[in-house]
Amino acid sequence: MNLDNFKNTWQQQNNLNKSAITINQSQLSETKANKQIKELNTMKWARIIESAAFFFIIVLLGQYIAKNVSVSAPIISALILAIFAIIGLAGNIGQIVHIVNIDYAKPISQLQKDIYRLCSHKLQLTKLLFMSAPFYMAYVFIGFDVLFKIDLFALLEQHMVWFYSVSSLLLLITIGCVLAKLNYTNIATPWVKRTIELIVGERLVNMAQFINSIESTDS
């Protein structure tokens, strides 16, 4: 084999290697895209189920309020819980719309950022729903009225009313402070990371860490 033939053979081999690498990269990108699409579909169905649950709760609370039109603790409690249920329904519908409108033709990196934004929205919605916890007595008042036909608030002594009011206020302040820290920008904090993993999943937390590192590098 002379030098020219050797060069031609070497060049052909390089071209074949480059073609194989290109094909493998294309297949890898397609695999990643399919995985992202599957995860988005899973998220969409989860939001649809949650939306149906919130709608069912709103209907039940609406019927309860319509049958008991009065100014009482159970009715006020039902109104408060209905507001949080409406917020939950609206937030989930918003997420479904975002998922449906995602362009799968975008590069994988952009698709990851879209999912990251969706999960950020999910985290904010969950935090907002957590704010219903300080109104825990609303569940108690409705429960007593539905199960026992008793207006528990009317039976409470004044010092117990003050106790529940102060405890609800303290719980509101505590939850507000905790939720203020519960953000992707604080993902390095162990308890923040574990809590967000519980809400949106470990993979999205890793994605958040990656995107945060990119943004911090760019800035």
C-alpha atoms as a PDB file:
ATOM      1  CA  MET A   1       0.000   0.000   0.000  1.00  0.00           C
ATOM      2  CA  ASN A   2       1.532   3.325  -1.086  1.00  0.00           C
ATOM      3  CA  LEU A   3       1.291   6.565   0.880  1.00  0.00           C
ATOM      4  CA  ASP A   4      -1.617   7.976  -1.146  1.00  0.00           C
ATOM      5  CA  ASN A   5      -3.727   4.837  -0.660  1.00  0.00           C
ATOM      6  CA  PHE A   6      -2.951   4.870   3.037  1.00  0.00           C
ATOM      7  CA  LYS A   7      -4.079   8.519   3.299  1.00  0.00           C
ATOM      8  CA  ASN A   8      -7.313   7.760   1.423  1.00  0.00           C
ATOM      9  CA  THR A   9      -8.060   4.773   3.649  1.00  0.00           C
ATOM     10  CA  TRP A  10      -7.366   6.836   6.758  1.00  0.00           C
ATOM     11  CA  GLN A  11      -9.606   9.655   5.547  1.00  0.00           C
ATOM     12  CA  GLN A  12     -12.470   7.244   4.784  1.00  0.00           C
ATOM     13  CA  GLN A  13     -12.126   5.709   8.227  1.00  0.00           C
ATOM     14  CA  ASN A  14     -12.280   9.161   9.824  1.00  0.00           C
ATOM     15  CA  ASN A  15     -15.395  10.001   7.832  1.00  0.00           C
ATOM     16  CA  LEU A  16     -17.050   6.748   8.943  1.00  0.00           C
ATOM     17  CA  ASN A  17     -16.172   7.467  12.582  1.00  0.00           C
ATOM     18  CA  LYS A  18     -17.569  10.986  12.334  1.00  0.00           C
ATOM     19  CA  SER A  19     -20.782   9.646  10.774  1.00  0.00           C
ATOM     20  CA  ALA A  20     -21.144   7.074  13.557  1.00  0.00           C
ATOM     21  CA  ILE A  21     -20.616   9.753  16.209  1.00  0.00           C
ATOM     22  CA  THR A  22     -23.212  11.982  14.554  1.00  0.00           C
ATOM     23  CA  ILE A  23     -25.732   9.122  14.412  1.00  0.00           C
ATOM     24  CA  ASN A  24     -25.075   8.196  18.061  1.00  0.00           C
ATOM     25  CA  GLN A  25     -25.487  11.807  19.160  1.00  0.00           C
ATOM     26  CA  SER A  26     -28.719  12.038  17.187  1.00  0.00           C
ATOM     27  CA  GLN A  27     -30.037   8.858  18.795  1.00  0.00           C
ATOM     28  CA  LEU A  28     -29.021  10.106  22.239  1.00  0.00           C
ATOM     29  CA  SER A  29     -30.814  13.415  21.665  1.00  0.00           C
ATOM     30  CA  GLU A  30     -33.918  11.581  20.440  1.00  0.00           C
ATOM     31  CA  THR A  31     -33.854   9.330  23.532  1.00  0.00           C
ATOM     32  CA  LYS A  32     -33.574  12.351  25.821  1.00  0.00           C
ATOM     33  CA  ALA A  33     -36.403  14.111  23.988  1.00  0.00           C
ATOM     34  CA  ASN A  34     -38.667  11.068  24.297  1.00  0.00           C
ATOM     35  CA  LYS A  35     -37.887  10.892  28.017  1.00  0.00           C
ATOM     36  CA  GLN A  36     -38.750  14.570  28.438  1.00  0.00           C
ATOM     37  CA  ILE A  37     -42.005  14.111  26.518  1.00  0.00           C
ATOM     38  CA  LYS A  38     -42.961  11.129  28.696  1.00  0.00           C
ATOM     39  CA  GLU A  39     -42.278  13.114  31.855  1.00  0.00           C
ATOM     40  CA  LEU A  40     -44.334  16.036  30.579  1.00  0.00           C
ATOM     41  CA  ASN A  41     -47.255  13.735  29.772  1.00  0.00           C
ATOM     42  CA  THR A  42     -47.024  12.287  33.288  1.00  0.00           C
ATOM     43  CA  MET A  43     -47.072  15.805  34.726  1.00  0.00           C
ATOM     44  CA  LYS A  44     -50.042  16.718  32.548  1.00  0.00           C
ATOM     45  CA  TRP A  45     -52.143  13.769  33.743  1.00  0.00           C
ATOM     46  CA  ALA A  46     -51.181  14.466  37.351  1.00  0.00           C
ATOM     47  CA  ARG A  47     -52.394  18.051  36.957  1.00  0.00           C
ATOM     48  CA  ILE A  48     -55.613  16.858  35.285  1.00  0.00           C
ATOM     49  CA  ILE A  49     -56.346  14.531  38.211  1.00  0.00           C
ATOM     50  CA  GLU A  50     -55.600  17.296  40.713  1.00  0.00           C
ATOM     51  CA  SER A  51     -57.826  19.686  38.768  1.00  0.00           C
ATOM     52  CA  ALA A  52     -60.690  17.193  38.894  1.00  0.00           C
ATOM     53  CA  ALA A  53     -60.189  16.805  42.655  1.00  0.00           C
ATOM     54  CA  PHE A  54     -60.193  20.569  43.213  1.00  0.00           C
ATOM     55  CA  PHE A  55     -63.293  20.959  41.035  1.00  0.00           C
ATOM     56  CA  PHE A  56     -65.080  18.263  43.048  1.00  0.00           C
ATOM     57  CA  ILE A  57     -64.151  20.026  46.303  1.00  0.00           C
ATOM     58  CA  ILE A  58     -65.390  23.365  44.955  1.00  0.00           C
ATOM     59  CA  VAL A  59     -68.718  21.812  43.948  1.00  0.00           C
ATOM     60  CA  LEU A  60     -69.176  20.221  47.380  1.00  0.00           C
ATOM     61  CA  LEU A  61     -68.307  23.433  49.207  1.00  0.00           C
ATOM     62  CA  GLY A  62     -70.578  25.413  46.884  1.00  0.00           C
ATOM     63  CA  GLN A  63     -73.480  23.093  47.604  1.00  0.00           C
ATOM     64  CA  TYR A  64     -72.767  23.282  51.334  1.00  0.00           C
ATOM     65  CA  ILE A  65     -72.760  27.092  51.275  1.00  0.00           C
ATOM     66  CA  ALA A  66     -75.934  27.245  49.152  1.00  0.00           C
ATOM     67  CA  LYS A  67     -77.823  25.014  51.605  1.00  0.00           C
ATOM     68  CA  ASN A  68     -76.681  26.931  54.673  1.00  0.00           C
ATOM     69  CA  VAL A  69     -76.763  30.588  53.688  1.00  0.00           C
ATOM     70  CA  SER A  70     -75.903  32.411  56.908  1.00  0.00           C
ATOM     71  CA  VAL A  71     -73.107  34.259  58.669  1.00  0.00           C
ATOM     72  CA  SER A  72     -71.594  31.504  60.773  1.00  0.00           C
ATOM     73  CA  ALA A  73     -68.204  29.946  61.431  1.00  0.00           C
ATOM     74  CA  PRO A  74     -68.867  26.874  59.245  1.00  0.00           C
ATOM     75  CA  ILE A  75     -69.985  28.988  56.281  1.00  0.00           C
ATOM     76  CA  ILE A  76     -67.048  31.383  56.606  1.00  0.00           C
ATOM     77  CA  SER A  77     -64.766  28.350  56.868  1.00  0.00           C
ATOM     78  CA  ALA A  78     -66.292  26.887  53.711  1.00  0.00           C
ATOM     79  CA  LEU A  79     -65.703  30.169  51.870  1.00  0.00           C
ATOM     80  CA  ILE A  80     -62.046  30.246  52.936  1.00  0.00           C
ATOM     81  CA  LEU A  81     -61.455  26.664  51.837  1.00  0.00           C
ATOM     82  CA  ALA A  82     -63.321  27.284  48.578  1.00  0.00           C
ATOM     83  CA  ILE A  83     -60.946  30.163  47.794  1.00  0.00           C
ATOM     84  CA  PHE A  84     -57.911  27.920  48.251  1.00  0.00           C
ATOM     85  CA  ALA A  85     -59.559  25.210  46.138  1.00  0.00           C
ATOM     86  CA  ILE A  86     -60.214  27.745  43.346  1.00  0.00           C
ATOM     87  CA  ILE A  87     -56.569  28.833  43.512  1.00  0.00           C
ATOM     88  CA  GLY A  88     -55.508  25.200  43.235  1.00  0.00           C
ATOM     89  CA  LEU A  89     -57.804  24.588  40.277  1.00  0.00           C
ATOM     90  CA  ALA A  90     -56.661  27.724  38.441  1.00  0.00           C
ATOM     91  CA  GLY A  91     -53.004  26.907  39.049  1.00  0.00           C
ATOM     92  CA  ASN A  92     -53.370  23.365  37.763  1.00  0.00           C
ATOM     93  CA  ILE A  93     -55.248  24.491  34.667  1.00  0.00           C
ATOM     94  CA  GLY A  94     -52.460  26.989  34.017  1.00  0.00           C
ATOM     95  CA  GLN A  95     -49.878  24.222  34.224  1.00  0.00           C
ATOM     96  CA  ILE A  96     -51.866  22.015  31.852  1.00  0.00           C
ATOM     97  CA  VAL A  97     -51.981  24.854  29.311  1.00  0.00           C
ATOM     98  CA  HIS A  98     -48.221  25.412  29.638  1.00  0.00           C
ATOM     99  CA  ILE A  99     -47.494  21.714  29.143  1.00  0.00           C
ATOM    100  CA  VAL A 100     -49.743  21.484  26.073  1.00  0.00           C
ATOM    101  CA  ASN A 101     -48.063  24.552  24.535  1.00  0.00           C
ATOM    102  CA  ILE A 102     -44.501  23.277  24.984  1.00  0.00           C
ATOM    103  CA  ASP A 103     -42.659  22.985  21.670  1.00  0.00           C
ATOM    104  CA  TYR A 104     -40.944  19.589  21.550  1.00  0.00           C
ATOM    105  CA  ALA A 105     -38.898  20.714  18.557  1.00  0.00           C
ATOM    106  CA  LYS A 106     -36.828  22.963  20.807  1.00  0.00           C
ATOM    107  CA  PRO A 107     -33.302  21.898  21.801  1.00  0.00           C
ATOM    108  CA  ILE A 108     -33.055  19.592  24.826  1.00  0.00           C
ATOM    109  CA  SER A 109     -31.505  22.341  26.950  1.00  0.00           C
ATOM    110  CA  GLN A 110     -34.455  24.668  26.248  1.00  0.00           C
ATOM    111  CA  LEU A 111     -36.922  21.862  26.885  1.00  0.00           C
ATOM    112  CA  GLN A 112     -35.270  21.276  30.259  1.00  0.00           C
ATOM    113  CA  LYS A 113     -35.651  24.944  31.119  1.00  0.00           C
ATOM    114  CA  ASP A 114     -39.345  24.789  30.187  1.00  0.00           C
ATOM    115  CA  ILE A 115     -39.821  21.823  32.543  1.00  0.00           C
ATOM    116  CA  TYR A 116     -37.861  23.684  35.201  1.00  0.00           C
ATOM    117  CA  ARG A 117     -40.229  26.658  34.897  1.00  0.00           C
ATOM    118  CA  LEU A 118     -43.231  24.333  35.116  1.00  0.00           C
ATOM    119  CA  CYS A 119     -41.901  22.767  38.300  1.00  0.00           C
ATOM    120  CA  SER A 120     -41.106  26.199  39.709  1.00  0.00           C
ATOM    121  CA  HIS A 121     -44.752  27.080  39.100  1.00  0.00           C
ATOM    122  CA  LYS A 122     -45.809  23.832  40.783  1.00  0.00           C
ATOM    123  CA  LEU A 123     -43.635  24.672  43.792  1.00  0.00           C
ATOM    124  CA  GLN A 124     -45.139  28.160  44.069  1.00  0.00           C
ATOM    125  CA  LEU A 125     -48.660  26.730  43.825  1.00  0.00           C
ATOM    126  CA  THR A 126     -47.910  24.145  46.520  1.00  0.00           C
ATOM    127  CA  LYS A 127     -46.495  26.853  48.775  1.00  0.00           C
ATOM    128  CA  LEU A 128     -49.643  28.886  48.285  1.00  0.00           C
ATOM    129  CA  LEU A 129     -51.832  25.913  49.203  1.00  0.00           C
ATOM    130  CA  PHE A 130     -49.703  25.330  52.300  1.00  0.00           C
ATOM    131  CA  MET A 131     -50.888  28.737  53.455  1.00  0.00           C
ATOM    132  CA  SER A 132     -54.260  27.135  54.162  1.00  0.00           C
ATOM    133  CA  ALA A 133     -52.695  25.292  57.135  1.00  0.00           C
ATOM    134  CA  PRO A 134     -53.115  28.240  59.560  1.00  0.00           C
ATOM    135  CA  PHE A 135     -56.843  28.026  58.863  1.00  0.00           C
ATOM    136  CA  TYR A 136     -56.927  24.508  60.319  1.00  0.00           C
ATOM    137  CA  MET A 137     -59.946  25.356  62.444  1.00  0.00           C
ATOM    138  CA  ALA A 138     -61.944  25.821  59.246  1.00  0.00           C
ATOM    139  CA  TYR A 139     -61.749  22.060  58.684  1.00  0.00           C
ATOM    140  CA  VAL A 140     -62.819  21.456  62.290  1.00  0.00           C
ATOM    141  CA  PHE A 141     -65.813  23.809  62.122  1.00  0.00           C
ATOM    142  CA  ILE A 142     -67.061  22.291  58.857  1.00  0.00           C
ATOM    143  CA  GLY A 143     -66.456  18.765  60.127  1.00  0.00           C
ATOM    144  CA  PHE A 144     -68.495  19.292  63.282  1.00  0.00           C
ATOM    145  CA  ASP A 145     -71.324  20.896  61.322  1.00  0.00           C
ATOM    146  CA  VAL A 146     -71.428  18.190  58.634  1.00  0.00           C
ATOM    147  CA  LEU A 147     -70.996  15.186  60.953  1.00  0.00           C
ATOM    148  CA  PHE A 148     -72.772  16.330  64.117  1.00  0.00           C
ATOM    149  CA  LYS A 149     -74.812  19.381  63.040  1.00  0.00           C
ATOM    150  CA  ILE A 150     -73.007  21.394  65.698  1.00  0.00           C
ATOM    151  CA  ASP A 151     -71.707  24.960  65.370  1.00  0.00           C
ATOM    152  CA  LEU A 152     -68.556  24.408  67.413  1.00  0.00           C
ATOM    153  CA  PHE A 153     -67.570  28.085  67.358  1.00  0.00           C
ATOM    154  CA  ALA A 154     -70.766  29.045  69.173  1.00  0.00           C
ATOM    155  CA  LEU A 155     -69.859  26.601  71.960  1.00  0.00           C
ATOM    156  CA  LEU A 156     -66.295  27.817  72.449  1.00  0.00           C
ATOM    157  CA  GLU A 157     -65.463  29.934  75.457  1.00  0.00           C
ATOM    158  CA  GLN A 158     -63.811  33.289  74.907  1.00  0.00           C
ATOM    159  CA  HIS A 159     -60.344  32.191  76.055  1.00  0.00           C
ATOM    160  CA  MET A 160     -60.459  29.258  73.609  1.00  0.00           C
ATOM    161  CA  VAL A 161     -61.377  31.633  70.782  1.00  0.00           C
ATOM    162  CA  TRP A 162     -58.327  33.732  71.649  1.00  0.00           C
ATOM    163  CA  PHE A 163     -56.160  30.618  71.874  1.00  0.00           C
ATOM    164  CA  TYR A 164     -57.137  29.390  68.415  1.00  0.00           C
ATOM    165  CA  SER A 165     -56.811  32.897  66.968  1.00  0.00           C
ATOM    166  CA  VAL A 166     -53.316  33.435  68.353  1.00  0.00           C
ATOM    167  CA  SER A 167     -52.174  29.915  67.398  1.00  0.00           C
ATOM    168  CA  SER A 168     -53.429  30.442  63.832  1.00  0.00           C
ATOM    169  CA  LEU A 169     -51.581  33.776  63.626  1.00  0.00           C
ATOM    170  CA  LEU A 170     -48.339  32.245  64.916  1.00  0.00           C
ATOM    171  CA  LEU A 171     -48.708  29.340  62.503  1.00  0.00           C
ATOM    172  CA  LEU A 172     -49.288  31.782  59.643  1.00  0.00           C
ATOM    173  CA  ILE A 173     -46.098  33.704  60.491  1.00  0.00           C
ATOM    174  CA  THR A 174     -44.068  30.505  60.904  1.00  0.00           C
ATOM    175  CA  ILE A 175     -45.258  28.972  57.638  1.00  0.00           C
ATOM    176  CA  GLY A 176     -44.720  32.271  55.842  1.00  0.00           C
ATOM    177  CA  CYS A 177     -41.087  32.415  57.007  1.00  0.00           C
ATOM    178  CA  VAL A 178     -40.480  28.782  56.077  1.00  0.00           C
ATOM    179  CA  LEU A 179     -42.040  29.094  52.625  1.00  0.00           C
ATOM    180  CA  ALA A 180     -40.035  32.248  51.940  1.00  0.00           C
ATOM    181  CA  LYS A 181     -36.890  30.104  52.200  1.00  0.00           C
ATOM    182  CA  LEU A 182     -38.371  27.292  50.114  1.00  0.00           C
ATOM    183  CA  ASN A 183     -36.981  28.345  46.762  1.00  0.00           C
ATOM    184  CA  TYR A 184     -34.776  26.870  44.056  1.00  0.00           C
ATOM    185  CA  THR A 185     -32.176  29.568  44.715  1.00  0.00           C
ATOM    186  CA  ASN A 186     -31.721  28.082  48.201  1.00  0.00           C
ATOM    187  CA  ILE A 187     -31.357  24.542  46.875  1.00  0.00           C
ATOM    188  CA  ALA A 188     -27.964  24.157  48.582  1.00  0.00           C
ATOM    189  CA  THR A 189     -29.666  24.211  51.989  1.00  0.00           C
ATOM    190  CA  PRO A 190     -30.282  20.540  52.961  1.00  0.00           C
ATOM    191  CA  TRP A 191     -33.828  20.888  54.330  1.00  0.00           C
ATOM    192  CA  VAL A 192     -34.859  23.058  51.358  1.00  0.00           C
ATOM    193  CA  LYS A 193     -33.485  20.452  48.941  1.00  0.00           C
ATOM    194  CA  ARG A 194     -35.263  17.566  50.702  1.00  0.00           C
ATOM    195  CA  THR A 195     -38.576  19.428  50.839  1.00  0.00           C
ATOM    196  CA  ILE A 196     -38.483  20.422  47.169  1.00  0.00           C
ATOM    197  CA  GLU A 197     -37.532  16.862  46.231  1.00  0.00           C
ATOM    198  CA  LEU A 198     -40.647  15.704  48.063  1.00  0.00           C
ATOM    199  CA  ILE A 199     -42.834  18.197  46.175  1.00  0.00           C
ATOM    200  CA  VAL A 200     -41.470  18.105  42.618  1.00  0.00           C
ATOM    201  CA  GLY A 201     -39.024  15.192  42.535  1.00  0.00           C
ATOM    202  CA  GLU A 202     -35.297  14.578  42.841  1.00  0.00           C
ATOM    203  CA  ARG A 203     -34.553  14.870  39.126  1.00  0.00           C
ATOM    204  CA  LEU A 204     -35.986  18.378  38.964  1.00  0.00           C
ATOM    205  CA  VAL A 205     -33.909  19.393  41.951  1.00  0.00           C
ATOM    206  CA  ASN A 206     -30.767  18.244  40.123  1.00  0.00           C
ATOM    207  CA  MET A 207     -31.917  20.181  37.079  1.00  0.00           C
ATOM    208  CA  ALA A 208     -32.437  23.269  39.239  1.00  0.00           C
ATOM    209  CA  GLN A 209     -28.914  22.968  40.633  1.00  0.00           C
ATOM    210  CA  PHE A 210     -27.539  22.718  37.086  1.00  0.00           C
ATOM    211  CA  ILE A 211     -29.502  25.730  35.821  1.00  0.00           C
ATOM    212  CA  ASN A 212     -28.643  27.784  38.909  1.00  0.00           C
ATOM    213  CA  SER A 213     -24.948  27.058  38.337  1.00  0.00           C
ATOM    214  CA  ILE A 214     -25.238  28.199  34.712  1.00  0.00           C
ATOM    215  CA  GLU A 215     -27.044  31.409  35.681  1.00  0.00           C
ATOM    216  CA  SER A 216     -24.528  32.191  38.412  1.00  0.00           C
ATOM    217  CA  THR A 217     -21.673  31.627  35.927  1.00  0.00           C
ATOM    218  CA  ASP A 218     -23.306  33.896  33.330  1.00  0.00           C
ATOM    219  CA  SER A 219     -23.836  36.650  35.882  1.00  0.00           C
END
